[in-house]
Amino acid sequence: MNVAVIGAGWAGMAAAVTLAQSNVRVTVFEAARHLGGRARAVEIEGIELDNGQHILIGAYRETLRLMRAVGVDPDKLLLRQPLAIEYPGKFSLRAPRLPARLNLGAALLTASGLSWGERMAAARFMTTMRNKGYRIAADLPVAELLAQHRQSGALARYLWEPLCVSALNTPAACASARIFLNVLRDGLDGARGASDLLIPRADLGKLFPQPAAAYVGANGGLLHPGTPVRTLEKGAEGFAVNAGPERYSHVILAVGPHQLDTLLERFEQLASTRRSVAALEYQPIYTCYLQYPPQVSMPQPMTGFDGGCIQWIFDRGRLDGAAGLLAAVISARGAHQNSSRDALASAIHRELADFLPGLPAPVWSRVIAEKRATFSCRPDLVRPENRTAVDRLYLAGDYTASDYPATLESAVRSGVLAANLVLQ
């Protein structure tokens, strides 16, 4: 075998590592100079930061497994803490370290900011979903599912809706309830530790893409960063990339879905795949980094905000020692998209100043907008399979058919699945 992996994001590198583990010759092509795709490191004011503040959870089994396989110690590079959702003065939920399911029940029943009736309603909702195997007969928006089970008021505002937007990057009013329930099943109500928050202490490149590249190289693979793939053809001797002389027995396309059409246009049998990919809509994620004097800090590493433009604030000083550096995250579409980046940074600073009286002006700020951060995870969305109608041509990415939304874990799983299809 001689496999070409096109795209060095998390899906592509997961595929490349899986193939390298089986001593398969693999060549990775990446258009950018950096690795990681839409979850990568960037340099801002001389500091290595992420293009967006990501968070993992304990249920990311494949991601954690592959991190270890390429020599990364997750316990050193990820801050693990029990599920904690904090909206200071409004809502607080903390999962105690109890056996699976008991910790979720205890967290719901002891959450502050909820009435006793709301706590019982939440417990009934989870019990009902558990008894149904987290399955519903027909997909519908998350907001409608919550309304059917009387999950309203503070319960919806501070628990279910933030979890939906954080996991699916799609507002509850139009997000898939079926996919949301899969997340609750495996993340919130799964094995002990599955709901733990894993907050990166280092930039995303160091978590997986860079050590994965080193692993692939050490096992005979080749990486070509800064090499856009513009044409893909298949002949009797295999696939040709950019009309080059090398022939590849298999190809895994691990580029973003919006980049697929040009690469697939020569394959008439993939017309339906191209249509399903073209039908995908996208949701943005905005991250605003604000550097304050070193003495500025938040009460905890991750804090929820409500009523303004900020959704979550991460205190990087509590994560990787970057004292005074705060990261504000805004997921999905919203009014913030209508503001200039400078105006958005100013609005975020004003919200922070209301929370932290006496907060000085930031030394610098930077807004990073990933406008196609994820696909819009809507009800009954048709997503393409990893296996295509072209023999030995596979897709990999967080947008492929899966039980999960567009997350790092779904990207990694898709890459592993594509590689295993090659190995089969």
Protein backbone atom coordinates (compact mmCIF):
# COMPACT_ATOMS: atom_id res chain seq x y z
CA MET A 1 0.00 0.00 0.00
CA ASN A 2 0.95 3.60 -0.61
CA VAL A 3 -1.63 5.97 0.89
CA ALA A 4 -2.02 9.70 0.33
CA VAL A 5 -3.72 11.66 3.11
CA ILE A 6 -4.78 15.08 1.90
CA GLY A 7 -5.16 17.45 4.84
CA ALA A 8 -3.17 17.55 8.09
CA GLY A 9 -5.94 18.52 10.47
CA TRP A 10 -6.92 16.29 13.37
CA ALA A 11 -8.79 13.85 11.11
CA GLY A 12 -5.94 13.61 8.61
CA MET A 13 -3.27 13.15 11.26
CA ALA A 14 -5.41 10.55 13.08
CA ALA A 15 -5.65 8.62 9.79
CA ALA A 16 -1.91 8.97 9.14
CA VAL A 17 -0.96 7.77 12.65
CA THR A 18 -3.32 4.79 12.40
CA LEU A 19 -1.77 3.77 9.08
CA ALA A 20 1.77 4.30 10.38
CA GLN A 21 0.97 2.06 13.35
CA SER A 22 0.32 -0.73 10.82
CA ASN A 23 3.53 -0.01 8.89
CA VAL A 24 1.65 1.36 5.89
CA ARG A 25 3.51 3.86 3.75
CA VAL A 26 1.70 7.19 4.07
CA THR A 27 2.23 10.64 2.57
CA VAL A 28 0.43 13.64 4.06
CA PHE A 29 -0.23 16.77 2.00
CA GLU A 30 -1.20 20.03 3.71
CA ALA A 31 -1.90 23.35 2.00
CA ALA A 32 -0.92 25.44 5.03
CA ARG A 33 2.53 25.70 6.58
CA HIS A 34 1.10 24.66 9.95
CA LEU A 35 -0.67 21.49 11.02
CA GLY A 36 -4.01 21.16 12.78
CA GLY A 37 -6.53 22.51 10.27
CA ARG A 38 -9.30 24.44 12.04
CA ALA A 39 -7.81 23.57 15.45
CA ARG A 40 -4.27 24.88 15.28
CA ALA A 41 -1.74 27.09 16.99
CA VAL A 42 -1.16 30.70 15.93
CA GLU A 43 1.32 33.28 17.16
CA ILE A 44 -0.16 36.42 18.73
CA GLU A 45 2.10 39.09 20.24
CA GLY A 46 4.92 36.58 20.41
CA ILE A 47 2.78 33.99 22.27
CA GLU A 48 1.74 30.59 20.87
CA LEU A 49 -2.04 30.45 21.25
CA ASP A 50 -4.88 28.59 19.57
CA ASN A 51 -6.98 29.88 16.71
CA GLY A 52 -9.88 29.19 19.07
CA GLN A 53 -10.11 28.26 22.74
CA HIS A 54 -11.07 24.58 22.63
CA ILE A 55 -12.16 22.29 25.42
CA LEU A 56 -12.16 18.49 25.53
CA ILE A 57 -14.08 16.14 27.80
CA GLY A 58 -13.26 12.80 29.35
CA ALA A 59 -15.44 11.01 26.79
CA TYR A 60 -12.90 11.84 24.04
CA ARG A 61 -11.54 8.30 24.22
CA GLU A 62 -10.02 8.07 20.73
CA THR A 63 -8.37 11.48 20.99
CA LEU A 64 -6.79 10.61 24.33
CA ARG A 65 -5.73 7.17 23.05
CA LEU A 66 -3.97 8.61 20.00
CA MET A 67 -2.35 11.37 22.06
CA ARG A 68 -0.75 8.70 24.20
CA ALA A 69 0.18 6.66 21.12
CA VAL A 70 2.28 9.53 19.74
CA GLY A 71 3.98 10.20 23.06
CA VAL A 72 1.78 12.91 24.58
CA ASP A 73 0.88 12.71 28.27
CA PRO A 74 -2.69 14.09 28.53
CA ASP A 75 -2.34 14.41 32.30
CA LYS A 76 0.40 17.01 31.81
CA LEU A 77 -1.08 19.00 28.91
CA LEU A 78 -4.75 18.93 29.94
CA LEU A 79 -6.25 20.32 33.14
CA ARG A 80 -8.81 17.71 34.21
CA GLN A 81 -11.56 18.83 36.53
CA PRO A 82 -15.05 17.49 37.30
CA LEU A 83 -17.85 19.02 35.27
CA ALA A 84 -18.41 22.54 36.55
CA ILE A 85 -20.72 25.16 35.03
CA GLU A 86 -20.44 28.51 36.76
CA TYR A 87 -22.47 31.64 36.11
CA PRO A 88 -21.40 33.70 39.15
CA GLY A 89 -24.36 34.85 41.21
CA LYS A 90 -26.82 33.11 38.88
CA PHE A 91 -26.11 29.39 38.53
CA SER A 92 -23.61 26.81 39.71
CA LEU A 93 -23.41 23.10 38.95
CA ARG A 94 -20.54 20.90 40.06
CA ALA A 95 -20.29 17.15 39.63
CA PRO A 96 -18.86 15.44 42.72
CA ARG A 97 -16.41 12.58 42.36
CA LEU A 98 -18.94 9.79 42.71
CA PRO A 99 -19.51 6.65 40.61
CA ALA A 100 -21.05 7.06 37.15
CA ARG A 101 -24.63 8.39 37.11
CA LEU A 102 -24.57 9.08 40.84
CA ASN A 103 -22.34 12.07 40.16
CA LEU A 104 -24.79 13.45 37.58
CA GLY A 105 -27.79 13.01 39.89
CA ALA A 106 -25.96 14.66 42.75
CA ALA A 107 -24.86 17.54 40.51
CA LEU A 108 -28.43 18.23 39.36
CA LEU A 109 -29.95 17.98 42.82
CA THR A 110 -27.37 20.27 44.43
CA ALA A 111 -27.13 22.88 41.65
CA SER A 112 -27.67 26.43 42.89
CA GLY A 113 -29.78 28.90 40.99
CA LEU A 114 -32.51 26.32 40.37
CA SER A 115 -35.75 25.86 42.23
CA TRP A 116 -36.44 22.47 43.76
CA GLY A 117 -39.02 21.88 41.02
CA GLU A 118 -36.45 22.62 38.31
CA ARG A 119 -33.96 20.23 39.87
CA MET A 120 -36.55 17.45 39.96
CA ALA A 121 -37.58 18.25 36.37
CA ALA A 122 -33.96 17.90 35.24
CA ALA A 123 -33.60 14.58 37.07
CA ARG A 124 -36.85 13.31 35.48
CA PHE A 125 -35.67 14.39 32.04
CA MET A 126 -32.38 12.51 32.34
CA THR A 127 -34.13 9.44 33.79
CA THR A 128 -36.66 9.42 30.96
CA MET A 129 -33.96 9.77 28.31
CA ARG A 130 -31.87 7.07 29.96
CA ASN A 131 -34.81 4.66 30.00
CA LYS A 132 -35.33 5.32 26.28
CA GLY A 133 -31.68 4.69 25.53
CA TYR A 134 -31.33 8.37 24.61
CA ARG A 135 -33.29 7.69 21.44
CA ILE A 136 -36.21 9.57 19.93
CA ALA A 137 -38.54 8.42 17.16
CA ALA A 138 -38.06 11.52 15.02
CA ASP A 139 -35.42 14.20 15.11
CA LEU A 140 -36.46 17.72 16.13
CA PRO A 141 -34.83 20.93 17.40
CA VAL A 142 -33.32 20.76 20.88
CA ALA A 143 -35.54 23.63 22.03
CA GLU A 144 -38.66 21.61 21.16
CA LEU A 145 -37.35 18.55 22.98
CA LEU A 146 -36.68 20.66 26.08
CA ALA A 147 -40.16 22.19 25.90
CA GLN A 148 -41.76 18.74 25.64
CA HIS A 149 -40.03 17.73 28.89
CA ARG A 150 -40.62 21.02 30.72
CA GLN A 151 -36.98 22.05 30.76
CA SER A 152 -37.48 25.79 30.91
CA GLY A 153 -36.40 28.87 32.87
CA ALA A 154 -32.99 28.81 34.51
CA LEU A 155 -32.68 25.11 33.75
CA ALA A 156 -32.72 25.70 30.00
CA ARG A 157 -30.89 29.02 30.11
CA TYR A 158 -27.90 28.00 32.20
CA LEU A 159 -27.64 24.25 31.65
CA TRP A 160 -29.14 22.68 28.54
CA GLU A 161 -28.85 25.56 26.08
CA PRO A 162 -25.18 26.34 26.94
CA LEU A 163 -24.35 22.62 26.70
CA CYS A 164 -26.06 22.47 23.30
CA VAL A 165 -24.20 25.48 21.90
CA SER A 166 -20.88 24.33 23.37
CA ALA A 167 -21.16 20.79 22.00
CA LEU A 168 -23.01 21.30 18.71
CA ASN A 169 -22.00 24.92 17.98
CA THR A 170 -25.61 25.41 16.92
CA PRO A 171 -28.36 27.29 18.81
CA ALA A 172 -30.92 25.10 20.58
CA ALA A 173 -33.70 26.53 18.41
CA CYS A 174 -32.28 24.79 15.33
CA ALA A 175 -29.92 22.11 16.68
CA SER A 176 -30.47 18.36 16.27
CA ALA A 177 -32.02 16.81 19.38
CA ARG A 178 -30.87 13.36 18.25
CA ILE A 179 -27.20 14.39 18.16
CA PHE A 180 -27.60 16.36 21.41
CA LEU A 181 -28.94 13.26 23.16
CA ASN A 182 -25.94 11.26 21.93
CA VAL A 183 -23.71 13.86 23.57
CA LEU A 184 -25.66 13.64 26.83
CA ARG A 185 -25.57 9.84 26.73
CA ASP A 186 -21.82 9.49 26.27
CA GLY A 187 -20.57 12.72 27.81
CA LEU A 188 -22.86 13.66 30.65
CA ASP A 189 -24.27 10.24 31.57
CA GLY A 190 -21.43 7.96 30.46
CA ALA A 191 -18.63 6.26 32.32
CA ARG A 192 -17.03 7.84 35.38
CA GLY A 193 -14.83 10.67 34.21
CA ALA A 194 -16.56 11.00 30.81
CA SER A 195 -18.06 14.34 31.85
CA ASP A 196 -14.78 15.71 33.19
CA LEU A 197 -13.65 18.92 31.53
CA LEU A 198 -10.20 18.71 29.91
CA ILE A 199 -8.90 22.23 29.35
CA PRO A 200 -5.69 22.53 27.30
CA ARG A 201 -2.64 23.83 29.15
CA ALA A 202 -0.65 24.06 25.89
CA ASP A 203 -1.50 25.12 22.36
CA LEU A 204 -3.44 22.64 20.25
CA GLY A 205 -0.48 21.90 17.99
CA LYS A 206 1.42 20.38 20.91
CA LEU A 207 -1.57 18.28 21.97
CA PHE A 208 -1.67 16.14 18.84
CA PRO A 209 -0.85 17.43 15.31
CA GLN A 210 2.86 18.13 15.90
CA PRO A 211 3.71 14.94 17.83
CA ALA A 212 1.56 13.00 15.34
CA ALA A 213 3.67 14.38 12.50
CA ALA A 214 6.83 13.36 14.32
CA TYR A 215 5.41 9.87 14.86
CA VAL A 216 4.48 9.47 11.19
CA GLY A 217 7.91 10.68 10.10
CA ALA A 218 9.67 8.31 12.50
CA ASN A 219 7.67 5.43 11.04
CA GLY A 220 8.60 6.05 7.43
CA GLY A 221 5.86 8.48 6.43
CA LEU A 222 6.27 11.74 4.54
CA LEU A 223 4.72 15.14 5.25
CA HIS A 224 4.46 17.96 2.75
CA PRO A 225 3.26 21.16 4.48
CA GLY A 226 2.70 24.19 2.29
CA THR A 227 1.62 21.91 -0.57
CA PRO A 228 -1.93 22.59 -1.78
CA VAL A 229 -3.56 19.71 -3.66
CA ARG A 230 -5.39 21.15 -6.64
CA THR A 231 -6.10 18.04 -8.71
CA LEU A 232 -6.81 14.41 -7.93
CA GLU A 233 -7.07 11.80 -10.66
CA LYS A 234 -7.41 8.03 -10.76
CA GLY A 235 -5.97 5.77 -13.41
CA ALA A 236 -5.15 2.11 -13.86
CA GLU A 237 -2.03 2.42 -11.71
CA GLY A 238 -3.67 4.34 -8.88
CA PHE A 239 -4.27 7.93 -7.84
CA ALA A 240 -2.23 10.91 -8.99
CA VAL A 241 -1.97 14.01 -6.80
CA ASN A 242 -1.35 17.32 -8.59
CA ALA A 243 -0.60 15.29 -11.76
CA GLY A 244 2.68 14.18 -10.14
CA PRO A 245 4.55 11.00 -11.08
CA GLU A 246 3.87 9.17 -7.79
CA ARG A 247 0.89 6.79 -7.74
CA TYR A 248 -1.05 6.08 -4.59
CA SER A 249 -3.06 2.93 -3.98
CA HIS A 250 -5.53 4.74 -1.68
CA VAL A 251 -6.46 8.34 -0.90
CA ILE A 252 -8.03 9.76 2.25
CA LEU A 253 -9.49 13.23 1.71
CA ALA A 254 -9.27 14.97 5.09
CA VAL A 255 -9.82 18.56 3.99
CA GLY A 256 -12.66 20.83 5.10
CA PRO A 257 -15.99 20.02 3.45
CA HIS A 258 -16.08 23.38 1.67
CA GLN A 259 -12.77 22.42 -0.02
CA LEU A 260 -13.96 19.08 -1.38
CA ASP A 261 -15.82 20.09 -4.50
CA THR A 262 -12.76 20.95 -6.60
CA LEU A 263 -11.03 17.69 -5.68
CA LEU A 264 -14.10 15.57 -6.49
CA GLU A 265 -15.21 17.24 -9.70
CA ARG A 266 -13.42 14.68 -11.93
CA PHE A 267 -15.38 11.80 -10.37
CA GLU A 268 -18.86 11.63 -11.91
CA GLN A 269 -19.94 8.83 -9.56
CA LEU A 270 -19.56 11.20 -6.59
CA ALA A 271 -22.25 13.65 -7.70
CA SER A 272 -24.53 12.75 -4.76
CA THR A 273 -21.64 13.14 -2.29
CA ARG A 274 -20.86 16.55 -3.70
CA ARG A 275 -24.52 17.58 -3.37
CA SER A 276 -24.72 16.47 0.28
CA VAL A 277 -21.52 18.34 1.11
CA ALA A 278 -22.68 21.43 -0.79
CA ALA A 279 -25.89 21.42 1.28
CA LEU A 280 -23.99 21.82 4.56
CA GLU A 281 -24.37 25.13 6.34
CA TYR A 282 -21.77 26.46 8.73
CA GLN A 283 -21.52 28.06 12.15
CA PRO A 284 -18.72 30.36 13.35
CA ILE A 285 -16.70 30.47 16.56
CA TYR A 286 -15.19 33.77 17.68
CA THR A 287 -12.36 33.88 20.22
CA CYS A 288 -11.11 37.16 21.66
CA TYR A 289 -7.82 37.16 23.52
CA LEU A 290 -7.27 40.06 25.91
CA GLN A 291 -3.94 40.56 27.66
CA TYR A 292 -4.29 42.38 30.98
CA PRO A 293 -1.65 43.13 33.62
CA PRO A 294 -0.44 39.94 35.37
CA GLN A 295 -2.46 40.56 38.54
CA VAL A 296 -5.78 40.24 36.66
CA SER A 297 -7.42 36.84 37.09
CA MET A 298 -10.82 35.13 37.11
CA PRO A 299 -12.20 33.17 40.07
CA GLN A 300 -11.94 29.88 38.12
CA PRO A 301 -10.39 28.64 34.87
CA MET A 302 -13.73 28.71 33.00
CA THR A 303 -16.61 31.09 33.75
CA GLY A 304 -19.97 31.41 32.02
CA PHE A 305 -21.42 34.79 31.06
CA ASP A 306 -25.04 35.55 30.30
CA GLY A 307 -26.89 38.46 28.77
CA GLY A 308 -24.08 39.97 26.69
CA CYS A 309 -21.91 38.81 23.85
CA ILE A 310 -19.51 36.66 25.91
CA GLN A 311 -20.48 33.03 26.45
CA TRP A 312 -17.39 31.70 28.25
CA ILE A 313 -14.22 33.23 29.65
CA PHE A 314 -11.07 31.14 30.07
CA ASP A 315 -8.31 32.35 32.36
CA ARG A 316 -5.10 31.31 30.63
CA GLY A 317 -3.12 32.28 33.71
CA ARG A 318 -4.78 29.38 35.52
CA LEU A 319 -4.08 27.03 32.62
CA ASP A 320 -0.63 27.60 31.16
CA GLY A 321 0.86 30.38 33.26
CA ALA A 322 0.09 33.25 30.85
CA ALA A 323 -0.83 35.60 33.71
CA GLY A 324 -3.46 38.18 32.88
CA LEU A 325 -4.42 36.59 29.56
CA LEU A 326 -8.15 35.96 29.17
CA ALA A 327 -9.89 34.22 26.26
CA ALA A 328 -13.54 35.06 25.52
CA VAL A 329 -15.44 32.53 23.41
CA ILE A 330 -18.62 33.11 21.39
CA SER A 331 -20.06 30.07 19.61
CA ALA A 332 -22.58 29.95 16.76
CA ARG A 333 -24.21 32.78 14.86
CA GLY A 334 -25.31 35.98 16.54
CA ALA A 335 -25.33 39.76 16.58
CA HIS A 336 -21.60 39.82 17.35
CA GLN A 337 -20.95 39.03 13.69
CA ASN A 338 -22.22 42.49 12.75
CA SER A 339 -19.52 44.26 14.78
CA SER A 340 -16.01 45.07 13.67
CA ARG A 341 -13.33 43.13 15.51
CA ASP A 342 -12.16 46.21 17.39
CA ALA A 343 -15.73 47.02 18.42
CA LEU A 344 -16.29 43.43 19.55
CA ALA A 345 -13.10 43.44 21.64
CA SER A 346 -14.21 46.72 23.26
CA ALA A 347 -17.65 45.28 24.06
CA ILE A 348 -16.06 42.19 25.61
CA HIS A 349 -13.78 44.36 27.74
CA ARG A 350 -16.79 46.34 29.00
CA GLU A 351 -18.54 43.12 30.04
CA LEU A 352 -15.44 41.98 31.86
CA ALA A 353 -15.10 45.37 33.58
CA ASP A 354 -18.66 45.01 34.89
CA PHE A 355 -17.67 41.64 36.37
CA LEU A 356 -14.24 42.73 37.63
CA PRO A 357 -14.57 46.29 39.00
CA GLY A 358 -11.46 48.38 38.47
CA LEU A 359 -10.31 46.28 35.53
CA PRO A 360 -7.67 48.25 33.59
CA ALA A 361 -7.66 48.50 29.80
CA PRO A 362 -6.08 45.50 28.07
CA VAL A 363 -2.48 45.80 26.96
CA TRP A 364 -3.58 44.27 23.67
CA SER A 365 -6.52 42.32 22.29
CA ARG A 366 -7.07 40.14 19.24
CA VAL A 367 -10.26 38.65 17.79
CA ILE A 368 -9.99 35.42 15.79
CA ALA A 369 -13.07 34.52 13.75
CA GLU A 370 -13.38 31.01 12.36
CA LYS A 371 -16.41 31.62 10.15
CA ARG A 372 -16.68 27.97 9.10
CA ALA A 373 -15.66 26.49 12.41
CA THR A 374 -18.20 23.65 12.19
CA PHE A 375 -21.17 22.56 10.14
CA SER A 376 -24.57 23.61 11.45
CA CYS A 377 -25.82 20.50 13.27
CA ARG A 378 -29.49 20.56 12.28
CA PRO A 379 -32.18 17.88 12.63
CA ASP A 380 -32.08 15.04 10.10
CA LEU A 381 -28.94 16.37 8.48
CA VAL A 382 -27.57 14.00 5.83
CA ARG A 383 -23.80 13.65 6.19
CA PRO A 384 -21.55 11.76 3.76
CA GLU A 385 -20.08 8.39 4.66
CA ASN A 386 -16.34 7.78 4.95
CA ARG A 387 -16.48 5.24 2.13
CA THR A 388 -17.19 6.81 -1.26
CA ALA A 389 -18.49 5.41 -4.55
CA VAL A 390 -14.93 5.53 -5.89
CA ASP A 391 -12.96 2.43 -4.92
CA ARG A 392 -10.12 3.17 -2.47
CA LEU A 393 -11.11 6.83 -2.04
CA TYR A 394 -12.28 7.79 1.45
CA LEU A 395 -13.40 10.90 3.32
CA ALA A 396 -12.33 11.90 6.82
CA GLY A 397 -13.46 14.84 8.89
CA ASP A 398 -15.79 15.94 11.66
CA TYR A 399 -18.58 16.41 9.09
CA THR A 400 -18.81 12.75 8.00
CA ALA A 401 -21.67 10.49 9.10
CA SER A 402 -21.46 10.01 12.85
CA ASP A 403 -23.43 10.01 16.11
CA TYR A 404 -21.59 13.15 17.15
CA PRO A 405 -21.39 16.83 16.23
CA ALA A 406 -18.31 18.52 14.79
CA THR A 407 -15.75 18.13 17.57
CA LEU A 408 -12.09 17.15 17.81
CA GLU A 409 -13.21 13.69 18.91
CA SER A 410 -15.47 13.19 15.89
CA ALA A 411 -12.65 14.36 13.59
CA VAL A 412 -10.23 11.89 15.17
CA ARG A 413 -12.75 9.04 15.05
CA SER A 414 -13.47 9.76 11.40
CA GLY A 415 -9.76 9.69 10.57
CA VAL A 416 -9.30 6.39 12.41
CA LEU A 417 -12.33 4.91 10.64
CA ALA A 418 -11.06 5.98 7.20
CA ALA A 419 -7.65 4.46 7.94
CA ASN A 420 -9.26 1.20 9.10
CA LEU A 421 -11.26 1.04 5.87
CA VAL A 422 -7.97 1.27 3.99
CA LEU A 423 -6.46 -1.47 6.15
CA GLN A 424 -9.43 -3.72 5.51
